[in-house]
C-alpha atoms as a PDB file:
ATOM      1  CA  MET A   1     -11.471  -2.843  23.750  1.00  0.00           C
ATOM      2  CA  THR A   2      -8.322  -2.532  21.850  1.00  0.00           C
ATOM      3  CA  ALA A   3      -7.859  -4.497  18.280  1.00  0.00           C
ATOM      4  CA  GLU A   4      -5.584  -6.477  18.258  1.00  0.00           C
ATOM      5  CA  VAL A   5      -1.932  -5.480  16.545  1.00  0.00           C
ATOM      6  CA  LEU A   6      -0.873  -7.400  13.446  1.00  0.00           C
ATOM      7  CA  VAL A   7       2.507  -5.364  12.316  1.00  0.00           C
ATOM      8  CA  ARG A   8       4.094  -2.605  14.287  1.00  0.00           C
ATOM      9  CA  LEU A   9       7.204  -0.386  13.042  1.00  0.00           C
ATOM     10  CA  ALA A  10       9.509   1.778  15.309  1.00  0.00           C
ATOM     11  CA  GLY A  11      11.951   4.098  13.443  1.00  0.00           C
ATOM     12  CA  ALA A  12      11.855   1.127  11.275  1.00  0.00           C
ATOM     13  CA  GLY A  13      14.330   1.348   8.369  1.00  0.00           C
ATOM     14  CA  VAL A  14      15.691  -0.648   4.935  1.00  0.00           C
ATOM     15  CA  ARG A  15      18.863  -0.249   3.138  1.00  0.00           C
ATOM     16  CA  TYR A  16      18.824  -3.055  -0.154  1.00  0.00           C
ATOM     17  CA  SER A  17      22.421  -3.043   0.423  1.00  0.00           C
ATOM     18  CA  ALA A  18      25.451  -1.925   2.391  1.00  0.00           C
ATOM     19  CA  GLY A  19      26.469   1.329   0.770  1.00  0.00           C
ATOM     20  CA  LEU A  20      23.077   2.136  -0.459  1.00  0.00           C
ATOM     21  CA  PRO A  21      20.588   4.615   0.754  1.00  0.00           C
ATOM     22  CA  ALA A  22      17.809   3.684   2.613  1.00  0.00           C
ATOM     23  CA  ALA A  23      14.681   2.741   0.830  1.00  0.00           C
ATOM     24  CA  ILE A  24      12.735   3.576   3.590  1.00  0.00           C
ATOM     25  CA  ALA A  25      13.672   5.825   7.033  1.00  0.00           C
ATOM     26  CA  GLY A  26      12.618   5.715  10.142  1.00  0.00           C
ATOM     27  CA  VAL A  27       9.229   4.607  10.347  1.00  0.00           C
ATOM     28  CA  SER A  28       6.610   4.448  12.410  1.00  0.00           C
ATOM     29  CA  LEU A  29       3.135   3.267  12.829  1.00  0.00           C
ATOM     30  CA  SER A  30       1.115  -0.070  13.774  1.00  0.00           C
ATOM     31  CA  LEU A  31      -1.876  -1.918  11.878  1.00  0.00           C
ATOM     32  CA  ALA A  32      -4.378  -3.302  13.993  1.00  0.00           C
ATOM     33  CA  ARG A  33      -6.886  -6.542  12.518  1.00  0.00           C
ATOM     34  CA  GLY A  34      -9.098  -5.569  10.357  1.00  0.00           C
ATOM     35  CA  GLU A  35      -8.036  -1.943   9.468  1.00  0.00           C
ATOM     36  CA  ARG A  36      -7.685  -0.778   5.783  1.00  0.00           C
ATOM     37  CA  LEU A  37      -4.432   1.564   5.019  1.00  0.00           C
ATOM     38  CA  ALA A  38      -3.801   3.303   2.031  1.00  0.00           C
ATOM     39  CA  VAL A  39       0.087   4.262   1.292  1.00  0.00           C
ATOM     40  CA  ILE A  40       0.298   7.134  -1.427  1.00  0.00           C
ATOM     41  CA  GLY A  41       3.023   9.323  -2.731  1.00  0.00           C
ATOM     42  CA  GLU A  42       4.678   9.765  -5.562  1.00  0.00           C
ATOM     43  CA  SER A  43       6.540   6.925  -7.541  1.00  0.00           C
ATOM     44  CA  GLY A  44       9.866   6.081  -5.919  1.00  0.00           C
ATOM     45  CA  SER A  45       9.088   7.623  -2.781  1.00  0.00           C
ATOM     46  CA  GLY A  46       9.079   4.087  -0.916  1.00  0.00           C
ATOM     47  CA  LYS A  47       5.912   2.646  -1.088  1.00  0.00           C
ATOM     48  CA  THR A  48       6.418  -0.542  -2.182  1.00  0.00           C
ATOM     49  CA  THR A  49       9.782  -1.466   0.574  1.00  0.00           C
ATOM     50  CA  LEU A  50       7.309  -0.042   3.277  1.00  0.00           C
ATOM     51  CA  ALA A  51       4.743  -2.736   1.968  1.00  0.00           C
ATOM     52  CA  LEU A  52       7.417  -5.423   1.731  1.00  0.00           C
ATOM     53  CA  ALA A  53       8.935  -4.888   5.488  1.00  0.00           C
ATOM     54  CA  MET A  54       5.155  -5.096   6.453  1.00  0.00           C
ATOM     55  CA  ALA A  55       5.147  -9.068   4.416  1.00  0.00           C
ATOM     56  CA  GLY A  56       8.049  -9.882   5.500  1.00  0.00           C
ATOM     57  CA  LEU A  57       9.046 -10.192   1.958  1.00  0.00           C
ATOM     58  CA  LEU A  58      12.343  -8.151   2.201  1.00  0.00           C
ATOM     59  CA  PRO A  59      14.930  -9.734  -0.606  1.00  0.00           C
ATOM     60  CA  ALA A  60      17.674 -11.705   0.691  1.00  0.00           C
ATOM     61  CA  GLY A  61      20.659  -9.186   2.093  1.00  0.00           C
ATOM     62  CA  SER A  62      18.633  -6.383   2.846  1.00  0.00           C
ATOM     63  CA  THR A  63      19.240  -4.814   5.791  1.00  0.00           C
ATOM     64  CA  VAL A  64      16.279  -3.771   8.406  1.00  0.00           C
ATOM     65  CA  GLU A  65      17.045  -0.744  10.600  1.00  0.00           C
ATOM     66  CA  GLY A  66      15.434   0.451  13.725  1.00  0.00           C
ATOM     67  CA  ARG A  67      12.053  -2.316  14.912  1.00  0.00           C
ATOM     68  CA  ILE A  68       9.294  -4.783  12.263  1.00  0.00           C
ATOM     69  CA  GLU A  69       7.543  -6.556  14.593  1.00  0.00           C
ATOM     70  CA  TRP A  70       4.473  -8.706  13.889  1.00  0.00           C
ATOM     71  CA  PRO A  71       2.733  -9.324  17.422  1.00  0.00           C
ATOM     72  CA  ALA A  72      -0.336 -11.354  16.151  1.00  0.00           C
ATOM     73  CA  PHE A  73       1.712 -13.754  14.507  1.00  0.00           C
ATOM     74  CA  GLY A  74       4.382 -14.249  16.707  1.00  0.00           C
ATOM     75  CA  GLY A  75       7.051 -13.507  14.796  1.00  0.00           C
ATOM     76  CA  ALA A  76       8.045 -12.470  11.323  1.00  0.00           C
ATOM     77  CA  PRO A  77       4.573 -14.057   9.008  1.00  0.00           C
ATOM     78  CA  LYS A  78       4.766 -16.581   6.932  1.00  0.00           C
ATOM     79  CA  PRO A  79       3.692 -15.317   3.059  1.00  0.00           C
ATOM     80  CA  GLY A  80       0.651 -16.471   2.006  1.00  0.00           C
ATOM     81  CA  ARG A  81      -0.316 -18.294   5.151  1.00  0.00           C
ATOM     82  CA  ASP A  82      -0.633 -14.998   7.355  1.00  0.00           C
ATOM     83  CA  VAL A  83      -0.228 -12.133   4.508  1.00  0.00           C
ATOM     84  CA  GLY A  84      -1.614 -12.268   0.898  1.00  0.00           C
ATOM     85  CA  TYR A  85       0.601 -10.134  -1.610  1.00  0.00           C
ATOM     86  CA  VAL A  86      -1.234  -8.785  -5.331  1.00  0.00           C
ATOM     87  CA  PHE A  87       1.826  -6.885  -7.033  1.00  0.00           C
ATOM     88  CA  GLN A  88       1.325  -4.354 -10.065  1.00  0.00           C
ATOM     89  CA  ASP A  89       1.723  -6.925 -12.689  1.00  0.00           C
ATOM     90  CA  PRO A  90      -0.350  -9.931 -12.602  1.00  0.00           C
ATOM     91  CA  SER A  91       2.067 -11.531 -15.224  1.00  0.00           C
ATOM     92  CA  GLY A  92       4.612 -12.331 -12.783  1.00  0.00           C
ATOM     93  CA  SER A  93       2.031 -14.109 -10.224  1.00  0.00           C
ATOM     94  CA  LEU A  94       1.041 -16.236 -13.417  1.00  0.00           C
ATOM     95  CA  ASP A  95       2.691 -19.312 -14.822  1.00  0.00           C
ATOM     96  CA  PRO A  96       1.879 -18.619 -18.819  1.00  0.00           C
ATOM     97  CA  VAL A  97       1.603 -22.697 -19.712  1.00  0.00           C
ATOM     98  CA  MET A  98      -0.426 -23.239 -16.737  1.00  0.00           C
ATOM     99  CA  ARG A  99      -4.174 -23.701 -16.339  1.00  0.00           C
ATOM    100  CA  VAL A 100      -5.152 -20.817 -13.868  1.00  0.00           C
ATOM    101  CA  GLY A 101      -7.445 -23.269 -12.284  1.00  0.00           C
ATOM    102  CA  ASP A 102      -4.230 -25.502 -11.473  1.00  0.00           C
ATOM    103  CA  GLN A 103      -2.141 -22.770 -10.288  1.00  0.00           C
ATOM    104  CA  LEU A 104      -5.105 -21.786  -7.828  1.00  0.00           C
ATOM    105  CA  ALA A 105      -5.026 -25.598  -6.804  1.00  0.00           C
ATOM    106  CA  GLU A 106      -1.396 -25.506  -6.486  1.00  0.00           C
ATOM    107  CA  VAL A 107      -1.265 -22.973  -4.027  1.00  0.00           C
ATOM    108  CA  ALA A 108      -4.480 -24.004  -1.810  1.00  0.00           C
ATOM    109  CA  ALA A 109      -3.107 -27.716  -1.604  1.00  0.00           C
ATOM    110  CA  ALA A 110       0.512 -25.792  -0.394  1.00  0.00           C
ATOM    111  CA  HIS A 111      -1.306 -24.345   2.567  1.00  0.00           C
ATOM    112  CA  GLY A 112      -3.203 -27.528   3.202  1.00  0.00           C
ATOM    113  CA  ASP A 113      -6.536 -27.740   1.239  1.00  0.00           C
ATOM    114  CA  ALA A 114      -7.755 -30.988   1.457  1.00  0.00           C
ATOM    115  CA  ASP A 115     -10.100 -30.656  -2.082  1.00  0.00           C
ATOM    116  CA  PRO A 116      -7.971 -27.557  -3.449  1.00  0.00           C
ATOM    117  CA  HIS A 117      -9.255 -27.916  -6.762  1.00  0.00           C
ATOM    118  CA  VAL A 118     -12.707 -27.376  -5.238  1.00  0.00           C
ATOM    119  CA  ASN A 119     -11.354 -24.827  -3.881  1.00  0.00           C
ATOM    120  CA  ALA A 120      -9.806 -23.107  -6.944  1.00  0.00           C
ATOM    121  CA  VAL A 121     -13.276 -22.778  -8.746  1.00  0.00           C
ATOM    122  CA  GLU A 122     -14.349 -21.082  -5.342  1.00  0.00           C
ATOM    123  CA  LEU A 123     -11.577 -18.707  -5.065  1.00  0.00           C
ATOM    124  CA  ILE A 124     -12.574 -17.478  -8.389  1.00  0.00           C
ATOM    125  CA  ALA A 125     -16.483 -17.073  -7.891  1.00  0.00           C
ATOM    126  CA  GLN A 126     -15.179 -15.348  -5.009  1.00  0.00           C
ATOM    127  CA  VAL A 127     -13.156 -12.401  -6.570  1.00  0.00           C
ATOM    128  CA  GLU A 128     -16.336 -12.571  -9.421  1.00  0.00           C
ATOM    129  CA  LEU A 129     -15.266 -13.706 -12.335  1.00  0.00           C
ATOM    130  CA  PRO A 130     -17.944 -15.090 -14.440  1.00  0.00           C
ATOM    131  CA  ASP A 131     -18.283 -18.784 -14.728  1.00  0.00           C
ATOM    132  CA  PRO A 132     -16.022 -19.704 -13.050  1.00  0.00           C
ATOM    133  CA  VAL A 133     -15.617 -23.472 -14.169  1.00  0.00           C
ATOM    134  CA  ARG A 134     -14.644 -22.536 -17.410  1.00  0.00           C
ATOM    135  CA  THR A 135     -12.411 -19.499 -15.858  1.00  0.00           C
ATOM    136  CA  ALA A 136     -10.225 -21.958 -14.097  1.00  0.00           C
ATOM    137  CA  ARG A 137      -9.485 -24.026 -17.461  1.00  0.00           C
ATOM    138  CA  ALA A 138      -8.460 -21.006 -19.150  1.00  0.00           C
ATOM    139  CA  TYR A 139      -4.485 -19.802 -19.377  1.00  0.00           C
ATOM    140  CA  PRO A 140      -3.582 -16.359 -18.659  1.00  0.00           C
ATOM    141  CA  HIS A 141      -3.324 -15.090 -22.049  1.00  0.00           C
ATOM    142  CA  GLU A 142      -6.609 -16.206 -22.732  1.00  0.00           C
ATOM    143  CA  LEU A 143      -7.953 -13.529 -19.838  1.00  0.00           C
ATOM    144  CA  SER A 144      -7.933  -9.555 -19.696  1.00  0.00           C
ATOM    145  CA  GLY A 145      -5.569  -7.860 -17.401  1.00  0.00           C
ATOM    146  CA  GLY A 146      -8.682  -7.286 -15.116  1.00  0.00           C
ATOM    147  CA  GLN A 147      -9.120 -11.067 -15.364  1.00  0.00           C
ATOM    148  CA  ARG A 148      -5.390 -11.738 -14.505  1.00  0.00           C
ATOM    149  CA  GLN A 149      -5.492  -9.124 -11.785  1.00  0.00           C
ATOM    150  CA  ARG A 150      -8.599 -10.680 -10.151  1.00  0.00           C
ATOM    151  CA  ILE A 151      -6.810 -14.555 -10.787  1.00  0.00           C
ATOM    152  CA  ALA A 152      -3.942 -12.546  -8.824  1.00  0.00           C
ATOM    153  CA  LEU A 153      -6.111 -11.703  -6.541  1.00  0.00           C
ATOM    154  CA  ALA A 154      -7.635 -15.219  -5.704  1.00  0.00           C
ATOM    155  CA  LEU A 155      -4.116 -16.674  -5.335  1.00  0.00           C
ATOM    156  CA  ALA A 156      -3.005 -14.180  -2.752  1.00  0.00           C
ATOM    157  CA  LEU A 157      -6.737 -15.042  -0.855  1.00  0.00           C
ATOM    158  CA  ALA A 158      -5.746 -19.265  -1.048  1.00  0.00           C
ATOM    159  CA  GLY A 159      -3.704 -19.167   1.806  1.00  0.00           C
ATOM    160  CA  ARG A 160      -6.881 -17.251   3.728  1.00  0.00           C
ATOM    161  CA  PRO A 161      -4.456 -14.734   5.405  1.00  0.00           C
ATOM    162  CA  SER A 162      -5.302 -12.134   8.118  1.00  0.00           C
ATOM    163  CA  MET A 163      -3.480  -9.584   6.153  1.00  0.00           C
ATOM    164  CA  LEU A 164      -3.877  -8.303   2.459  1.00  0.00           C
ATOM    165  CA  ILE A 165      -1.316  -6.124   0.118  1.00  0.00           C
ATOM    166  CA  ALA A 166      -2.454  -4.924  -3.089  1.00  0.00           C
ATOM    167  CA  ASP A 167       0.903  -3.044  -4.397  1.00  0.00           C
ATOM    168  CA  GLU A 168      -0.508  -0.811  -6.622  1.00  0.00           C
ATOM    169  CA  ALA A 169      -2.678  -3.459  -8.360  1.00  0.00           C
ATOM    170  CA  THR A 170      -4.941  -1.294 -10.105  1.00  0.00           C
ATOM    171  CA  SER A 171      -2.587   1.221 -11.684  1.00  0.00           C
ATOM    172  CA  ALA A 172      -2.316  -0.612 -15.353  1.00  0.00           C
ATOM    173  CA  LEU A 173      -5.957  -1.037 -15.633  1.00  0.00           C
ATOM    174  CA  ASP A 174      -8.323   1.596 -17.157  1.00  0.00           C
ATOM    175  CA  PRO A 175     -10.343   3.393 -14.702  1.00  0.00           C
ATOM    176  CA  VAL A 176     -13.810   2.135 -14.856  1.00  0.00           C
ATOM    177  CA  VAL A 177     -12.504  -1.434 -14.429  1.00  0.00           C
ATOM    178  CA  GLN A 178      -9.789  -0.055 -11.398  1.00  0.00           C
ATOM    179  CA  LYS A 179     -12.675   1.187  -9.753  1.00  0.00           C
ATOM    180  CA  LYS A 180     -14.185  -1.966  -9.890  1.00  0.00           C
ATOM    181  CA  LEU A 181     -11.096  -4.276  -8.526  1.00  0.00           C
ATOM    182  CA  ALA A 182     -11.054  -1.742  -5.600  1.00  0.00           C
ATOM    183  CA  GLU A 183     -14.353  -2.197  -4.500  1.00  0.00           C
ATOM    184  CA  LEU A 184     -14.294  -6.066  -4.764  1.00  0.00           C
ATOM    185  CA  VAL A 185     -10.704  -5.920  -2.769  1.00  0.00           C
ATOM    186  CA  VAL A 186     -12.634  -3.488   0.081  1.00  0.00           C
ATOM    187  CA  ARG A 187     -16.276  -6.223   0.110  1.00  0.00           C
ATOM    188  CA  LEU A 188     -13.594  -9.095   0.351  1.00  0.00           C
ATOM    189  CA  CYS A 189     -11.276  -7.514   3.170  1.00  0.00           C
ATOM    190  CA  ARG A 190     -15.042  -6.795   5.362  1.00  0.00           C
ATOM    191  CA  THR A 191     -16.569 -10.214   4.761  1.00  0.00           C
ATOM    192  CA  ASN A 192     -13.174 -12.319   5.663  1.00  0.00           C
ATOM    193  CA  GLY A 193     -12.195  -9.453   8.338  1.00  0.00           C
ATOM    194  CA  LEU A 194      -8.729  -9.018   6.744  1.00  0.00           C
ATOM    195  CA  THR A 195      -6.602  -5.819   7.555  1.00  0.00           C
ATOM    196  CA  LEU A 196      -5.822  -4.184   4.175  1.00  0.00           C
ATOM    197  CA  VAL A 197      -2.666  -2.275   2.886  1.00  0.00           C
ATOM    198  CA  PHE A 198      -3.328  -0.828  -0.125  1.00  0.00           C
ATOM    199  CA  VAL A 199      -0.793   1.465  -2.265  1.00  0.00           C
ATOM    200  CA  THR A 200      -1.671   3.183  -4.699  1.00  0.00           C
ATOM    201  CA  HIS A 201      -0.499   6.949  -6.198  1.00  0.00           C
ATOM    202  CA  ASP A 202      -4.564   7.736  -6.756  1.00  0.00           C
ATOM    203  CA  ILE A 203      -5.600   9.929  -4.460  1.00  0.00           C
ATOM    204  CA  ALA A 204      -9.390   9.083  -5.304  1.00  0.00           C
ATOM    205  CA  LEU A 205      -9.094   5.214  -4.452  1.00  0.00           C
ATOM    206  CA  ALA A 206      -7.138   5.955  -1.260  1.00  0.00           C
ATOM    207  CA  ALA A 207     -10.210   8.192  -0.373  1.00  0.00           C
ATOM    208  CA  GLY A 208     -12.383   5.225  -1.215  1.00  0.00           C
ATOM    209  CA  LEU A 209     -10.508   2.554   0.089  1.00  0.00           C
ATOM    210  CA  GLY A 210      -8.762   3.495   3.172  1.00  0.00           C
ATOM    211  CA  THR A 211      -9.967   3.568   7.397  1.00  0.00           C
ATOM    212  CA  ARG A 212      -6.352   5.089   7.520  1.00  0.00           C
ATOM    213  CA  ILE A 213      -3.634   7.252   5.110  1.00  0.00           C
ATOM    214  CA  ALA A 214      -0.232   6.692   5.127  1.00  0.00           C
ATOM    215  CA  VAL A 215       1.348   9.711   3.251  1.00  0.00           C
ATOM    216  CA  VAL A 216       5.192   8.875   2.063  1.00  0.00           C
ATOM    217  CA  TYR A 217       7.653  11.011   0.710  1.00  0.00           C
ATOM    218  CA  SER A 218      11.148  10.411  -0.246  1.00  0.00           C
ATOM    219  CA  ALA A 219      11.506   7.586   1.917  1.00  0.00           C
ATOM    220  CA  ARG A 220      10.192   8.965   4.714  1.00  0.00           C
ATOM    221  CA  LEU A 221       6.620   8.567   6.580  1.00  0.00           C
ATOM    222  CA  ALA A 222       5.286  12.446   6.076  1.00  0.00           C
ATOM    223  CA  GLU A 223       1.932  11.999   7.561  1.00  0.00           C
ATOM    224  CA  THR A 224      -0.297   9.388   9.123  1.00  0.00           C
ATOM    225  CA  GLY A 225      -3.962   9.802  10.393  1.00  0.00           C
ATOM    226  CA  PRO A 226      -7.681   8.296   9.850  1.00  0.00           C
ATOM    227  CA  ALA A 227      -8.841   9.462   5.912  1.00  0.00           C
ATOM    228  CA  GLU A 228     -11.350  11.477   7.069  1.00  0.00           C
ATOM    229  CA  ARG A 229      -8.830  13.912   8.456  1.00  0.00           C
ATOM    230  CA  VAL A 230      -6.209  13.567   6.363  1.00  0.00           C
ATOM    231  CA  LEU A 231      -7.847  14.493   3.462  1.00  0.00           C
ATOM    232  CA  SER A 232     -10.425  17.454   5.018  1.00  0.00           C
ATOM    233  CA  ASP A 233      -7.606  18.604   7.339  1.00  0.00           C
ATOM    234  CA  PRO A 234      -3.920  17.733   5.976  1.00  0.00           C
ATOM    235  CA  ALA A 235      -1.175  18.243   8.792  1.00  0.00           C
ATOM    236  CA  HIS A 236       1.383  18.092   6.652  1.00  0.00           C
ATOM    237  CA  PRO A 237       2.126  20.237   3.410  1.00  0.00           C
ATOM    238  CA  TYR A 238       3.110  17.344   0.685  1.00  0.00           C
ATOM    239  CA  THR A 239      -0.220  16.031   2.021  1.00  0.00           C
ATOM    240  CA  LYS A 240      -1.978  19.131   1.036  1.00  0.00           C
ATOM    241  CA  ALA A 241      -0.122  19.628  -2.354  1.00  0.00           C
ATOM    242  CA  LEU A 242      -1.016  16.056  -3.317  1.00  0.00           C
ATOM    243  CA  LEU A 243      -4.819  16.694  -2.934  1.00  0.00           C
ATOM    244  CA  GLU A 244      -4.286  20.211  -4.490  1.00  0.00           C
ATOM    245  CA  SER A 245      -3.184  18.338  -7.766  1.00  0.00           C
ATOM    246  CA  HIS A 246      -5.361  16.019  -7.626  1.00  0.00           C
ATOM    247  CA  LEU A 247      -8.530  16.369 -10.940  1.00  0.00           C
ATOM    248  CA  GLY A 248     -11.127  15.195  -9.376  1.00  0.00           C
ATOM    249  CA  ARG A 249     -14.834  14.975 -10.498  1.00  0.00           C
ATOM    250  CA  ASP A 250     -16.041  17.948  -8.079  1.00  0.00           C
ATOM    251  CA  VAL A 251     -13.319  20.383  -9.683  1.00  0.00           C
ATOM    252  CA  PRO A 252     -15.645  22.763 -11.480  1.00  0.00           C
ATOM    253  CA  ARG A 253     -14.366  23.421 -15.164  1.00  0.00           C
ATOM    254  CA  GLY A 254     -11.663  25.644 -15.480  1.00  0.00           C
ATOM    255  CA  ALA A 255     -10.346  25.748 -11.963  1.00  0.00           C
ATOM    256  CA  ARG A 256      -6.804  26.221 -11.703  1.00  0.00           C
ATOM    257  CA  VAL A 257      -5.183  22.692 -10.417  1.00  0.00           C
ATOM    258  CA  HIS A 258      -1.254  23.454  -8.537  1.00  0.00           C
ATOM    259  CA  ALA A 259       1.413  20.974  -9.625  1.00  0.00           C
ATOM    260  CA  ILE A 260       3.928  20.550  -7.285  1.00  0.00           C
ATOM    261  CA  GLU A 261       6.857  21.924  -8.443  1.00  0.00           C
ATOM    262  CA  GLY A 262      10.274  20.599  -8.731  1.00  0.00           C
ATOM    263  CA  GLN A 263      11.475  17.067  -8.107  1.00  0.00           C
ATOM    264  CA  PRO A 264      11.706  14.451  -5.142  1.00  0.00           C
ATOM    265  CA  PRO A 265      15.391  14.625  -3.660  1.00  0.00           C
ATOM    266  CA  ASP A 266      17.935  11.929  -4.681  1.00  0.00           C
ATOM    267  CA  PRO A 267      17.952   9.679  -2.032  1.00  0.00           C
ATOM    268  CA  ALA A 268      21.505   9.399  -1.591  1.00  0.00           C
ATOM    269  CA  LEU A 269      21.458  12.884  -1.018  1.00  0.00           C
ATOM    270  CA  ALA A 270      22.151  14.029   2.222  1.00  0.00           C
ATOM    271  CA  LEU A 271      20.025  16.939   3.517  1.00  0.00           C
ATOM    272  CA  PRO A 272      20.309  18.827   6.697  1.00  0.00           C
ATOM    273  CA  GLY A 273      16.567  19.869   7.032  1.00  0.00           C
ATOM    274  CA  CYS A 274      13.219  18.947   5.774  1.00  0.00           C
ATOM    275  CA  ARG A 275      13.157  16.593   2.628  1.00  0.00           C
ATOM    276  CA  PHE A 276      10.360  18.522   1.156  1.00  0.00           C
ATOM    277  CA  ALA A 277      11.367  22.174   1.810  1.00  0.00           C
ATOM    278  CA  LEU A 278      12.782  22.921  -1.332  1.00  0.00           C
ATOM    279  CA  ARG A 279       9.312  21.899  -2.681  1.00  0.00           C
ATOM    280  CA  CYS A 280       6.985  23.566  -0.268  1.00  0.00           C
ATOM    281  CA  ARG A 281       5.386  26.915  -0.426  1.00  0.00           C
ATOM    282  CA  HIS A 282       5.346  27.066   3.439  1.00  0.00           C
ATOM    283  CA  ALA A 283       8.734  26.286   4.280  1.00  0.00           C
ATOM    284  CA  VAL A 284      10.672  28.360   6.804  1.00  0.00           C
ATOM    285  CA  ALA A 285      14.391  28.942   7.161  1.00  0.00           C
ATOM    286  CA  THR A 286      14.278  26.145  10.097  1.00  0.00           C
ATOM    287  CA  CYS A 287      12.786  24.023   7.919  1.00  0.00           C
ATOM    288  CA  ASN A 288      16.636  23.795   5.980  1.00  0.00           C
ATOM    289  CA  ARG A 289      18.673  23.799   8.670  1.00  0.00           C
ATOM    290  CA  SER A 290      17.056  20.635  10.590  1.00  0.00           C
ATOM    291  CA  GLU A 291      15.073  17.617   9.511  1.00  0.00           C
ATOM    292  CA  PRO A 292      11.183  17.636  11.555  1.00  0.00           C
ATOM    293  CA  GLY A 293      10.635  15.159  14.278  1.00  0.00           C
ATOM    294  CA  TRP A 294       6.753  13.574  14.274  1.00  0.00           C
ATOM    295  CA  ALA A 295       4.139  16.007  15.609  1.00  0.00           C
ATOM    296  CA  GLY A 296       1.367  14.573  17.065  1.00  0.00           C
ATOM    297  CA  ALA A 297       0.553  10.504  17.853  1.00  0.00           C
ATOM    298  CA  ARG A 298       2.404   8.023  16.412  1.00  0.00           C
ATOM    299  CA  ASP A 299      -0.725   6.913  14.042  1.00  0.00           C
ATOM    300  CA  ASP A 300      -2.170  10.238  13.694  1.00  0.00           C
ATOM    301  CA  GLY A 301       0.078  13.061  13.330  1.00  0.00           C
ATOM    302  CA  ALA A 302       2.784  14.504  10.611  1.00  0.00           C
ATOM    303  CA  ALA A 303       7.160  15.053  10.475  1.00  0.00           C
ATOM    304  CA  CYS A 304       6.703  18.908  10.345  1.00  0.00           C
ATOM    305  CA  ILE A 305       7.441  21.896  12.173  1.00  0.00           C
ATOM    306  CA  LEU A 306       4.044  24.571  11.451  1.00  0.00           C
ATOM    307  CA  PRO A 307       1.959  24.778  14.013  1.00  0.00           C
ATOM    308  CA  ALA A 308      -1.362  23.226  13.829  1.00  0.00           C
ATOM    309  CA  GLY A 309      -3.735  24.658  11.356  1.00  0.00           C
ATOM    310  CA  MET A 310      -1.368  27.069   9.444  1.00  0.00           C
ATOM    311  CA  LEU A 311      -2.071  24.817   5.954  1.00  0.00           C
ATOM    312  CA  ARG A 312      -5.917  25.923   6.394  1.00  0.00           C
END
């Protein structure tokens, strides 16, 4: 039985204003109920724009090219109700002069909860904060960064959404807190049957979180596929370069870590070929002449002209 598709992008692109270059362009992928998609790539690659497009949260005035569809929702999703969104900085989600319990109750009441204050305490318990009743009485400044991010997660869950999007939600936290929060997100998604989109630049987190991975480079989708395949047998040179530049715990002392030389191209710059070609160790003359097509299935392939297995 085929899982229900929550969001489908077909050649989708986003421009924030007329005359500006596309913040993301030509993306085709789908996400089914219960899947966990990790979106990785360098800063400024378009990861957040892709997440906002999936959530239906693009700012007014944005132009959408191609198609973005939400079959399971019967139209654009309702923020909070259909899609919960956790932003990188919890301070942007929390009112500094309101107790966190009152903020959670306000959101729960807006989504029709009959007993929002009771549910606020339950949400705090759900995100595994100690002494939920006492925590509900706290102001944001009385909590640590990791605790505030858990409250932001509780706010995203208050409307009982079908999809949860965490946009660099752990990047401002120390590694131990990062790992614990990421594990909590996965547990909550499994328990509640949520679809997860987790935006990160941390390959180790992506490896532990996602059942699928999407790799974004310079406003383009470079590769996507099952996490195990992408991490063990990357089909795009950029994915391979990211993996080689990652200093994991299993890297022996003294081993060389390969940095990706150069910088991503300016999105406003029109390039005739592959946007990664200038930084790619595998590039051939054709790579600089024409933009690569998509090789493989829509949800398991890469935008690269190199034959399968050449990167091994």
